[in-house]
Amino acid sequence: MGGKLFNAACVLLVMVSLSFADRMNVSVQIPVTDVTVYSNGFGFLKRQNTLDLAGGELSLLIKNFTSSAVMDSVSVDDSMGGVRETAQYKLITKKTHSMYLPFDEILNQSVGSPIRALTKNGWKNGTLSWFSSDRLGIEDAGKLVVLRFDDVEELQAPASKYKKDVEVNETERGLRIDELSLAGSHYISMSYLVSGVEWNANYKYYIPSDSDTGSGALQAWASVSNNAGEDWKDVRLKVVVGYPHMVTYFADVLRSNAENAYAPKAMAGSAASALPNFVSSLFGGYYVYSLGHPVTLKDGETRNLALFENYVNFKREYIWDTTWDGPHKVYKLNNSLDQSWAPGTARIYLAGDFLGEDSIKYTAKGKEAEVTVANVPDIVAKKQVNSTTGQEYQNSRTTTYKVSLNVENRKDEVIQLKVRDWMNSGDAVSLVRSNPPAERKEQNGLEWKITLGKGESRNIDYQYTVTNYYYNY
């Protein structure tokens, strides 16, 4: 009984081996139809097509399928076939190409034969006796005439062979889909993750006047780059604010990549026209912008596409953060729209002229994006740590800091200035006193809002302690 089972298994194995050996290669076109681009250097692509296929064991070959695809993410569905395997393939074929002979090979055919060479001094006739990389020698009546190639305007030689056949290896790479196919019309769809694609947001904000508060036209654009190793022709494009969690396999890539409707009438002459074609929606916790028409991006190409345009309010502030090189002029844009703003570069234009640019962070609905546009040399600021004293205790040390901040308004107007400073970190940080009173912020931050008249100077004095604990074992 065992022998019969063994023999039956061997027969089955042989049949399966023959079946796979008889697999037929079929080149197919399954174009990219949908592209979703995340902000971490990865994209999610879909392909689909309807094909008439024969029955049996087939290997569907998609030529030039990108090598940057994450292979274990490739998913294939065939309405009339069972997919057995997906893998990248490489086919090397020998092909014969006809190539023109180089000049030295043509001359070599004529050595020892009569030739004629036309120079500026007329025709030179004789037998081609030799040639080098830039000269040829013609023998006539026992004399050798040497001519430079540059001096020969026309050459008549008996050479009859100008081409030769050359055998070369051609390599074809792509994706192989092995399947058991039923004869008929197949609807095939597939999807996969791919690296080398990214998008970045950039914003243009147009304001009519330089006031403390107001409203302006905000244009958001998506700069989409295709470096995936394949062309996208007439695809449905989506860009996502954020990106999904991905396994450790992608950690290094993630770190490296992460660490125009027409212009509103009220802003005529100041805001450039944009025609946004994206529609925003919420999907699985992400904000997704879908382009309203097909787009083509070739491999290596970057396009800047309009996302949206709308009015948002702004506040102008003068801010001195003591970690900066001096006070800055800052615009705070209020995100009162229905979608969050992706991190990117924001540029501000005043009456059509460029005012400045800054990088903004992810800005949720109802929050503010802070855009620094310029240094303000007419506001002079200085920080001084007046004294530092320490006190040792049995299991701790407490250090007391006394700090003085001085600001002077040299502008010809009254200004509101926001001052930020940072206390040193420790196990326990306490603000002892501040004149004027400070508002405590995150990460040991302090903030003051003061009004400075023309030519006015003000001091901010505060004291704080930092306690660090330790244990003697």
Protein backbone atom coordinates (compact mmCIF):
# COMPACT_ATOMS: atom_id res chain seq x y z
CA MET A 1 0.00 0.00 0.00
CA GLY A 2 2.82 2.38 0.92
CA GLY A 3 4.54 1.69 -2.39
CA LYS A 4 1.40 2.53 -4.34
CA LEU A 5 1.00 5.81 -2.46
CA PHE A 6 4.64 6.62 -3.15
CA ASN A 7 4.25 5.84 -6.84
CA ALA A 8 1.08 7.91 -7.02
CA ALA A 9 2.86 10.83 -5.37
CA CYS A 10 5.73 10.55 -7.84
CA VAL A 11 3.30 10.54 -10.77
CA LEU A 12 1.55 13.61 -9.35
CA LEU A 13 4.89 15.37 -8.84
CA VAL A 14 5.90 14.60 -12.42
CA MET A 15 2.55 15.91 -13.70
CA VAL A 16 2.93 19.13 -11.71
CA SER A 17 6.53 19.55 -12.92
CA LEU A 18 5.45 19.04 -16.50
CA SER A 19 2.60 21.50 -16.00
CA PHE A 20 4.95 24.23 -14.79
CA ALA A 21 7.54 23.39 -17.41
CA ASP A 22 4.89 23.91 -20.07
CA ARG A 23 3.94 27.35 -18.72
CA MET A 24 3.50 29.89 -21.52
CA ASN A 25 4.98 33.40 -21.29
CA VAL A 26 2.54 36.13 -22.28
CA SER A 27 3.58 39.81 -22.43
CA VAL A 28 0.73 41.97 -21.15
CA GLN A 29 -0.02 45.64 -20.63
CA ILE A 30 -1.50 46.44 -17.21
CA PRO A 31 -0.98 50.21 -16.88
CA VAL A 32 -0.84 52.27 -13.69
CA THR A 33 -4.29 53.80 -13.16
CA ASP A 34 -4.24 55.15 -9.58
CA VAL A 35 -1.47 56.73 -7.52
CA THR A 36 -1.73 57.71 -3.85
CA VAL A 37 1.33 59.62 -2.63
CA TYR A 38 2.22 59.90 1.04
CA SER A 39 4.56 62.42 2.62
CA ASN A 40 7.16 59.82 3.67
CA GLY A 41 8.61 58.86 0.29
CA PHE A 42 6.20 56.01 -0.41
CA GLY A 43 3.20 55.62 -2.65
CA PHE A 44 0.37 53.16 -3.16
CA LEU A 45 -0.20 52.29 -6.82
CA LYS A 46 -2.96 50.44 -8.64
CA ARG A 47 -2.95 48.87 -12.08
CA GLN A 48 -5.85 47.36 -14.00
CA ASN A 49 -6.82 46.17 -17.45
CA THR A 50 -9.10 43.74 -19.30
CA LEU A 51 -7.24 41.09 -21.32
CA ASP A 52 -8.18 38.15 -23.53
CA LEU A 53 -6.09 35.20 -22.35
CA ALA A 54 -5.78 31.54 -23.23
CA GLY A 55 -6.41 28.77 -20.74
CA GLY A 56 -3.74 26.86 -18.88
CA GLU A 57 -0.60 27.68 -16.93
CA LEU A 58 0.51 31.20 -17.89
CA SER A 59 3.28 33.57 -16.89
CA LEU A 60 2.03 37.11 -17.43
CA LEU A 61 5.01 39.40 -18.02
CA ILE A 62 4.68 43.13 -17.28
CA LYS A 63 7.68 44.70 -18.97
CA ASN A 64 9.62 47.49 -17.19
CA PHE A 65 7.75 47.03 -13.91
CA THR A 66 9.52 49.21 -11.35
CA SER A 67 12.30 47.66 -9.30
CA SER A 68 11.45 49.99 -6.39
CA ALA A 69 8.19 48.16 -5.67
CA VAL A 70 7.93 46.48 -2.28
CA MET A 71 7.51 42.95 -3.61
CA ASP A 72 5.71 41.43 -0.64
CA SER A 73 3.09 44.18 -0.93
CA VAL A 74 2.17 43.22 -4.52
CA SER A 75 -1.44 42.02 -4.63
CA VAL A 76 -3.02 40.64 -7.83
CA ASP A 77 -6.64 39.71 -8.50
CA ASP A 78 -7.72 37.98 -11.75
CA SER A 79 -11.42 37.45 -12.43
CA MET A 80 -10.65 34.35 -14.53
CA GLY A 81 -7.44 33.02 -13.03
CA GLY A 82 -5.80 31.76 -9.88
CA VAL A 83 -2.54 33.53 -9.06
CA ARG A 84 0.23 31.20 -7.88
CA GLU A 85 3.21 33.55 -7.60
CA THR A 86 4.48 37.06 -8.28
CA ALA A 87 8.18 37.74 -8.80
CA GLN A 88 10.54 40.06 -10.57
CA TYR A 89 12.05 38.56 -13.71
CA LYS A 90 15.01 39.17 -15.98
CA LEU A 91 15.14 37.85 -19.55
CA ILE A 92 18.35 38.03 -21.56
CA THR A 93 18.00 37.56 -25.31
CA LYS A 94 20.58 37.72 -28.07
CA LYS A 95 19.71 40.01 -30.95
CA THR A 96 21.53 40.95 -34.12
CA HIS A 97 21.87 44.61 -34.98
CA SER A 98 23.26 46.09 -38.19
CA MET A 99 25.90 48.75 -37.46
CA TYR A 100 27.85 51.09 -39.75
CA LEU A 101 31.55 50.35 -39.89
CA PRO A 102 33.95 52.87 -38.37
CA PHE A 103 36.14 54.81 -40.80
CA ASP A 104 39.30 52.83 -40.01
CA GLU A 105 37.60 49.54 -40.94
CA ILE A 106 36.44 51.00 -44.26
CA LEU A 107 39.99 52.18 -44.99
CA ASN A 108 41.37 48.78 -44.05
CA GLN A 109 39.36 47.23 -46.89
CA SER A 110 41.08 49.57 -49.36
CA VAL A 111 44.72 49.04 -48.34
CA GLY A 112 46.65 48.06 -51.50
CA SER A 113 43.90 49.36 -53.78
CA PRO A 114 43.81 52.56 -55.88
CA ILE A 115 42.04 55.52 -54.23
CA ARG A 116 41.46 59.20 -54.99
CA ALA A 117 41.56 62.00 -52.40
CA LEU A 118 40.38 65.55 -53.05
CA THR A 119 42.33 68.26 -51.23
CA LYS A 120 42.47 72.03 -51.60
CA ASN A 121 45.35 71.48 -54.05
CA GLY A 122 43.31 69.14 -56.22
CA TRP A 123 43.00 65.37 -56.57
CA LYS A 124 45.66 62.99 -55.29
CA ASN A 125 45.65 59.57 -57.00
CA GLY A 126 47.51 56.43 -56.05
CA THR A 127 47.51 53.27 -53.97
CA LEU A 128 46.51 53.38 -50.31
CA SER A 129 49.58 51.98 -48.59
CA TRP A 130 48.89 52.75 -44.93
CA PHE A 131 46.83 54.91 -42.53
CA SER A 132 46.94 55.99 -38.89
CA SER A 133 44.48 57.64 -36.52
CA ASP A 134 44.65 60.99 -38.36
CA ARG A 135 46.64 60.45 -41.60
CA LEU A 136 46.73 58.26 -44.68
CA GLY A 137 49.54 57.47 -47.13
CA ILE A 138 49.04 57.31 -50.93
CA GLU A 139 51.81 55.78 -53.06
CA ASP A 140 52.12 57.07 -56.65
CA ALA A 141 55.03 56.51 -59.08
CA GLY A 142 57.31 55.37 -56.27
CA LYS A 143 56.52 58.37 -54.06
CA LEU A 144 54.53 58.37 -50.81
CA VAL A 145 52.17 61.28 -50.25
CA VAL A 146 50.91 61.67 -46.66
CA LEU A 147 47.61 63.49 -46.16
CA ARG A 148 45.93 64.63 -42.97
CA PHE A 149 42.31 63.59 -42.62
CA ASP A 150 41.40 67.24 -41.94
CA ASP A 151 42.79 68.21 -45.39
CA VAL A 152 40.75 65.59 -47.28
CA GLU A 153 37.48 66.98 -48.61
CA GLU A 154 36.41 63.87 -50.52
CA LEU A 155 37.72 60.29 -50.64
CA GLN A 156 36.97 57.69 -53.30
CA ALA A 157 37.88 54.14 -52.31
CA PRO A 158 36.88 50.67 -53.57
CA ALA A 159 35.47 49.54 -50.21
CA SER A 160 32.13 47.78 -50.72
CA LYS A 161 31.15 46.86 -47.17
CA TYR A 162 29.86 49.66 -44.99
CA LYS A 163 27.85 47.71 -42.37
CA LYS A 164 28.31 44.66 -40.21
CA ASP A 165 26.00 42.53 -38.09
CA VAL A 166 26.70 42.63 -34.35
CA GLU A 167 25.20 40.25 -31.81
CA VAL A 168 24.25 41.94 -28.52
CA ASN A 169 22.55 40.85 -25.31
CA GLU A 170 19.31 42.65 -24.50
CA THR A 171 17.96 42.48 -20.96
CA GLU A 172 14.27 42.78 -20.21
CA ARG A 173 13.15 43.27 -16.61
CA GLY A 174 9.68 43.33 -15.16
CA LEU A 175 7.09 41.56 -13.04
CA ARG A 176 6.04 37.95 -13.62
CA ILE A 177 2.60 36.75 -12.55
CA ASP A 178 2.23 32.96 -12.62
CA GLU A 179 -1.36 31.80 -12.73
CA LEU A 180 -3.74 29.05 -13.77
CA SER A 181 -5.91 30.74 -16.38
CA LEU A 182 -9.32 30.02 -17.83
CA ALA A 183 -9.72 30.96 -21.47
CA GLY A 184 -11.66 34.17 -21.96
CA SER A 185 -11.79 37.82 -20.94
CA HIS A 186 -9.87 38.56 -17.73
CA TYR A 187 -10.25 41.64 -15.57
CA ILE A 188 -6.93 41.96 -13.74
CA SER A 189 -6.31 44.45 -10.95
CA MET A 190 -3.20 44.79 -8.83
CA SER A 191 -1.75 47.09 -6.19
CA TYR A 192 1.58 47.59 -4.45
CA LEU A 193 3.67 49.97 -2.36
CA VAL A 194 6.55 51.74 -4.04
CA SER A 195 9.39 53.92 -2.79
CA GLY A 196 10.84 56.96 -4.53
CA VAL A 197 7.65 59.02 -4.70
CA GLU A 198 6.84 62.01 -2.55
CA TRP A 199 4.85 65.17 -2.33
CA ASN A 200 5.46 68.41 -0.48
CA ALA A 201 3.01 71.17 0.26
CA ASN A 202 3.81 74.78 -0.54
CA TYR A 203 1.62 77.78 0.20
CA LYS A 204 1.27 81.27 -1.23
CA TYR A 205 -0.51 83.82 0.95
CA TYR A 206 -1.51 87.19 -0.53
CA ILE A 207 -2.37 90.16 1.71
CA PRO A 208 -3.37 93.64 0.47
CA SER A 209 -1.78 95.72 3.26
CA ASP A 210 0.69 95.42 6.12
CA SER A 211 -1.71 95.69 9.06
CA ASP A 212 -1.90 94.03 12.47
CA THR A 213 -4.85 91.87 11.42
CA GLY A 214 -6.65 91.14 8.20
CA SER A 215 -7.60 88.56 5.62
CA GLY A 216 -5.75 87.18 2.63
CA ALA A 217 -6.02 84.63 -0.15
CA LEU A 218 -4.25 81.38 0.68
CA GLN A 219 -3.25 79.11 -2.18
CA ALA A 220 -2.04 75.59 -1.40
CA TRP A 221 -0.01 73.62 -3.92
CA ALA A 222 1.23 70.04 -4.09
CA SER A 223 4.70 69.44 -5.51
CA VAL A 224 4.58 65.78 -6.59
CA SER A 225 7.76 63.92 -7.58
CA ASN A 226 7.85 60.60 -9.39
CA ASN A 227 11.16 58.80 -8.90
CA ALA A 228 9.58 55.36 -8.78
CA GLY A 229 11.27 54.02 -11.90
CA GLU A 230 8.17 53.96 -14.09
CA ASP A 231 5.99 56.44 -15.96
CA TRP A 232 2.46 57.32 -14.89
CA LYS A 233 0.20 58.16 -17.80
CA ASP A 234 -3.28 59.62 -17.27
CA VAL A 235 -3.49 58.37 -13.68
CA ARG A 236 -5.93 59.30 -10.94
CA LEU A 237 -3.74 61.09 -8.39
CA LYS A 238 -4.23 61.50 -4.65
CA VAL A 239 -1.96 63.12 -2.08
CA VAL A 240 -2.32 62.39 1.62
CA VAL A 241 -1.62 64.66 4.58
CA GLY A 242 0.33 62.24 6.76
CA TYR A 243 1.21 58.62 6.16
CA PRO A 244 0.19 55.19 7.49
CA HIS A 245 2.15 53.22 10.03
CA MET A 246 4.68 51.00 8.28
CA VAL A 247 6.80 48.18 9.69
CA THR A 248 10.46 48.42 10.69
CA TYR A 249 11.45 47.42 7.16
CA PHE A 250 10.87 51.04 6.15
CA ALA A 251 12.24 52.79 9.25
CA ASP A 252 15.44 54.16 7.73
CA VAL A 253 13.68 55.45 4.64
CA LEU A 254 10.95 57.06 6.71
CA ARG A 255 13.45 58.84 8.91
CA SER A 256 15.50 60.15 6.00
CA ASN A 257 12.46 61.44 4.17
CA ALA A 258 10.70 62.85 7.22
CA GLU A 259 14.15 64.20 9.37
CA ASN A 260 -4.99 77.70 -9.67
CA ALA A 261 -10.64 78.80 -8.98
CA TYR A 262 -9.41 82.23 -10.10
CA ALA A 263 -8.04 84.88 -7.77
CA PRO A 264 -10.70 86.48 -5.55
CA LYS A 265 -11.97 89.80 -6.84
CA ALA A 266 -11.10 91.55 -3.59
CA MET A 267 -7.46 90.63 -4.12
CA ALA A 268 -7.30 91.54 -7.79
CA GLY A 269 -3.81 92.54 -8.80
CA SER A 270 -2.21 90.97 -5.73
CA ALA A 271 -2.93 87.24 -5.78
CA ALA A 272 -1.78 85.20 -8.75
CA SER A 273 -4.52 83.12 -10.34
CA ALA A 274 -4.75 79.44 -9.50
CA LEU A 275 -7.20 76.79 -10.62
CA PRO A 276 -7.40 74.17 -7.87
CA ASN A 277 -8.37 70.74 -9.17
CA PHE A 278 -8.16 68.69 -5.98
CA VAL A 279 -11.13 67.66 -3.83
CA SER A 280 -10.40 67.00 -0.16
CA SER A 281 -11.93 64.19 1.91
CA LEU A 282 -11.32 62.38 5.18
CA PHE A 283 -10.29 58.73 4.87
CA GLY A 284 -9.22 56.56 7.78
CA GLY A 285 -8.07 59.57 9.80
CA TYR A 286 -6.09 61.10 6.92
CA TYR A 287 -6.89 64.13 4.82
CA VAL A 288 -6.79 63.05 1.20
CA TYR A 289 -6.72 65.40 -1.80
CA SER A 290 -7.94 63.83 -5.05
CA LEU A 291 -7.05 65.50 -8.35
CA GLY A 292 -10.16 66.08 -10.44
CA HIS A 293 -8.61 65.10 -13.77
CA PRO A 294 -6.04 62.55 -15.00
CA VAL A 295 -2.41 63.57 -14.82
CA THR A 296 0.79 62.26 -16.43
CA LEU A 297 4.12 62.17 -14.57
CA LYS A 298 7.10 60.57 -16.21
CA ASP A 299 9.82 58.92 -14.17
CA GLY A 300 12.06 61.64 -12.73
CA GLU A 301 9.47 64.39 -13.26
CA THR A 302 8.10 66.82 -10.66
CA ARG A 303 4.89 68.82 -11.09
CA ASN A 304 3.39 71.57 -8.95
CA LEU A 305 -0.40 71.15 -8.80
CA ALA A 306 -2.95 73.47 -7.20
CA LEU A 307 -4.63 71.99 -4.09
CA PHE A 308 -7.05 74.66 -2.93
CA GLU A 309 -7.56 78.41 -2.53
CA ASN A 310 -9.53 80.21 0.15
CA TYR A 311 -9.55 83.22 2.44
CA VAL A 312 -8.01 82.92 5.91
CA ASN A 313 -7.39 85.56 8.56
CA PHE A 314 -3.97 86.59 9.80
CA LYS A 315 -2.40 88.33 12.78
CA ARG A 316 0.89 90.18 12.44
CA GLU A 317 3.18 89.94 15.43
CA TYR A 318 6.67 90.97 16.43
CA ILE A 319 8.29 88.11 18.33
CA TRP A 320 11.61 87.82 20.07
CA ASP A 321 12.51 84.25 20.90
CA THR A 322 15.83 84.37 22.74
CA THR A 323 17.03 81.33 20.75
CA TRP A 324 16.82 83.44 17.56
CA ASP A 325 19.38 85.94 16.36
CA GLY A 326 16.95 88.81 17.07
CA PRO A 327 13.28 89.85 16.93
CA HIS A 328 11.28 88.61 13.93
CA LYS A 329 8.24 89.78 12.05
CA VAL A 330 5.74 86.91 12.10
CA TYR A 331 2.37 86.29 10.51
CA LYS A 332 0.00 83.82 12.14
CA LEU A 333 -2.47 82.28 9.71
CA ASN A 334 -5.67 80.93 11.24
CA ASN A 335 -6.72 77.58 9.78
CA SER A 336 -10.48 78.12 9.74
CA LEU A 337 -10.92 75.75 6.77
CA ASP A 338 -12.34 72.22 6.69
CA GLN A 339 -9.01 70.43 6.31
CA SER A 340 -5.67 70.30 8.07
CA TRP A 341 -2.62 71.81 6.40
CA ALA A 342 0.34 69.61 5.60
CA PRO A 343 3.80 70.80 6.66
CA GLY A 344 5.60 72.70 3.95
CA THR A 345 6.94 76.06 2.79
CA ALA A 346 4.74 79.15 3.13
CA ARG A 347 5.47 82.33 1.17
CA ILE A 348 3.78 85.64 1.93
CA TYR A 349 3.18 88.37 -0.65
CA LEU A 350 2.30 91.97 0.22
CA ALA A 351 0.40 93.77 -2.55
CA GLY A 352 1.88 91.32 -5.04
CA ASP A 353 5.50 91.65 -3.84
CA PHE A 354 7.38 88.86 -2.09
CA LEU A 355 7.68 89.50 1.65
CA GLY A 356 9.33 86.33 2.99
CA GLU A 357 9.00 82.60 3.49
CA ASP A 358 9.21 80.05 6.25
CA SER A 359 8.58 76.37 6.94
CA ILE A 360 5.30 75.65 8.69
CA LYS A 361 4.42 72.62 10.75
CA TYR A 362 1.35 70.42 10.41
CA THR A 363 -1.57 72.72 11.23
CA ALA A 364 -4.83 71.14 12.35
CA LYS A 365 -8.22 72.77 11.88
CA GLY A 366 -8.69 75.65 14.29
CA LYS A 367 -4.94 76.08 14.88
CA GLU A 368 -2.48 78.71 13.65
CA ALA A 369 0.47 78.40 11.30
CA GLU A 370 3.37 80.67 12.24
CA VAL A 371 5.28 82.19 9.31
CA THR A 372 8.42 84.23 10.01
CA VAL A 373 9.07 86.61 7.13
CA ALA A 374 11.86 88.95 8.27
CA ASN A 375 14.25 90.06 10.98
CA VAL A 376 13.41 93.41 12.60
CA PRO A 377 16.63 95.38 13.23
CA ASP A 378 14.66 98.36 14.60
CA ILE A 379 13.73 96.29 17.63
CA VAL A 380 16.88 95.80 19.70
CA ALA A 381 16.95 92.93 22.20
CA LYS A 382 19.50 91.62 24.67
CA LYS A 383 19.53 88.78 27.19
CA GLN A 384 21.78 88.67 30.25
CA VAL A 385 22.05 86.07 33.02
CA ASN A 386 22.87 88.29 35.99
CA SER A 387 23.80 85.63 38.51
CA THR A 388 23.84 81.90 39.11
CA THR A 389 24.05 80.41 42.61
CA GLY A 390 23.92 76.80 43.75
CA GLN A 391 22.90 75.11 47.00
CA GLU A 392 23.80 71.52 47.88
CA TYR A 393 21.44 69.37 49.92
CA GLN A 394 21.73 65.77 51.07
CA ASN A 395 20.22 64.26 47.92
CA SER A 396 19.83 67.23 45.59
CA ARG A 397 21.31 70.38 44.21
CA THR A 398 19.30 73.55 43.56
CA THR A 399 20.58 76.25 41.23
CA THR A 400 19.08 79.74 41.20
CA TYR A 401 19.16 81.84 38.04
CA LYS A 402 18.49 85.57 37.75
CA VAL A 403 17.84 86.71 34.18
CA SER A 404 17.36 90.14 32.63
CA LEU A 405 15.87 90.76 29.17
CA ASN A 406 16.03 94.21 27.61
CA VAL A 407 14.06 95.33 24.53
CA GLU A 408 14.08 98.71 22.80
CA ASN A 409 11.67 99.94 20.12
CA ARG A 410 13.45 102.10 17.52
CA LYS A 411 10.55 101.94 15.08
CA ASP A 412 8.48 105.06 14.40
CA GLU A 413 5.33 103.44 15.76
CA VAL A 414 3.89 101.77 18.83
CA ILE A 415 4.37 98.01 18.71
CA GLN A 416 3.16 94.92 20.49
CA LEU A 417 6.07 92.57 21.19
CA LYS A 418 5.90 88.96 22.28
CA VAL A 419 9.00 87.79 24.16
CA ARG A 420 9.86 84.12 24.67
CA ASP A 421 12.60 82.71 26.87
CA TRP A 422 13.45 79.26 28.15
CA MET A 423 14.43 78.12 31.62
CA ASN A 424 17.05 75.41 31.93
CA SER A 425 15.73 71.89 32.37
CA GLY A 426 16.02 69.73 35.49
CA ASP A 427 14.08 67.38 37.75
CA ALA A 428 12.11 70.31 39.16
CA VAL A 429 11.96 73.78 37.60
CA SER A 430 10.20 76.60 39.49
CA LEU A 431 9.57 80.19 38.47
CA VAL A 432 10.21 82.25 41.61
CA ARG A 433 9.24 85.71 40.35
CA SER A 434 8.87 87.72 37.16
CA ASN A 435 8.41 91.42 36.47
CA PRO A 436 6.23 91.82 34.48
CA PRO A 437 4.39 88.53 35.11
CA ALA A 438 5.19 85.70 32.69
CA GLU A 439 2.93 83.11 31.12
CA ARG A 440 4.29 79.59 31.66
CA LYS A 441 4.52 77.51 28.49
CA GLU A 442 5.49 73.95 27.61
CA GLN A 443 9.07 72.70 27.94
CA ASN A 444 9.99 75.32 30.57
CA GLY A 445 9.02 78.16 28.27
CA LEU A 446 8.07 81.65 29.42
CA GLU A 447 6.22 84.29 27.44
CA TRP A 448 5.53 88.00 27.90
CA LYS A 449 3.36 90.34 25.86
CA ILE A 450 4.43 93.95 26.16
CA THR A 451 3.60 97.24 24.49
CA LEU A 452 6.47 99.51 23.47
CA GLY A 453 6.00 103.12 22.47
CA LYS A 454 8.24 104.89 19.95
CA GLY A 455 11.77 104.92 21.34
CA GLU A 456 10.72 103.13 24.52
CA SER A 457 12.93 100.60 26.29
CA ARG A 458 11.75 97.95 28.78
CA ASN A 459 13.36 95.41 31.09
CA ILE A 460 12.02 91.98 31.95
CA ASP A 461 13.53 90.51 35.11
CA TYR A 462 12.81 87.05 36.42
CA GLN A 463 14.24 84.44 38.75
CA TYR A 464 13.88 80.66 38.72
CA THR A 465 15.34 77.57 40.33
CA VAL A 466 16.35 74.20 38.92
CA THR A 467 16.60 71.21 41.27
CA ASN A 468 18.27 67.95 40.34
CA TYR A 469 18.05 64.89 42.60
CA TYR A 470 20.71 62.25 43.15
CA TYR A 471 21.25 59.38 45.53
CA ASN A 472 24.34 58.09 47.31
CA TYR A 473 24.54 54.31 47.42
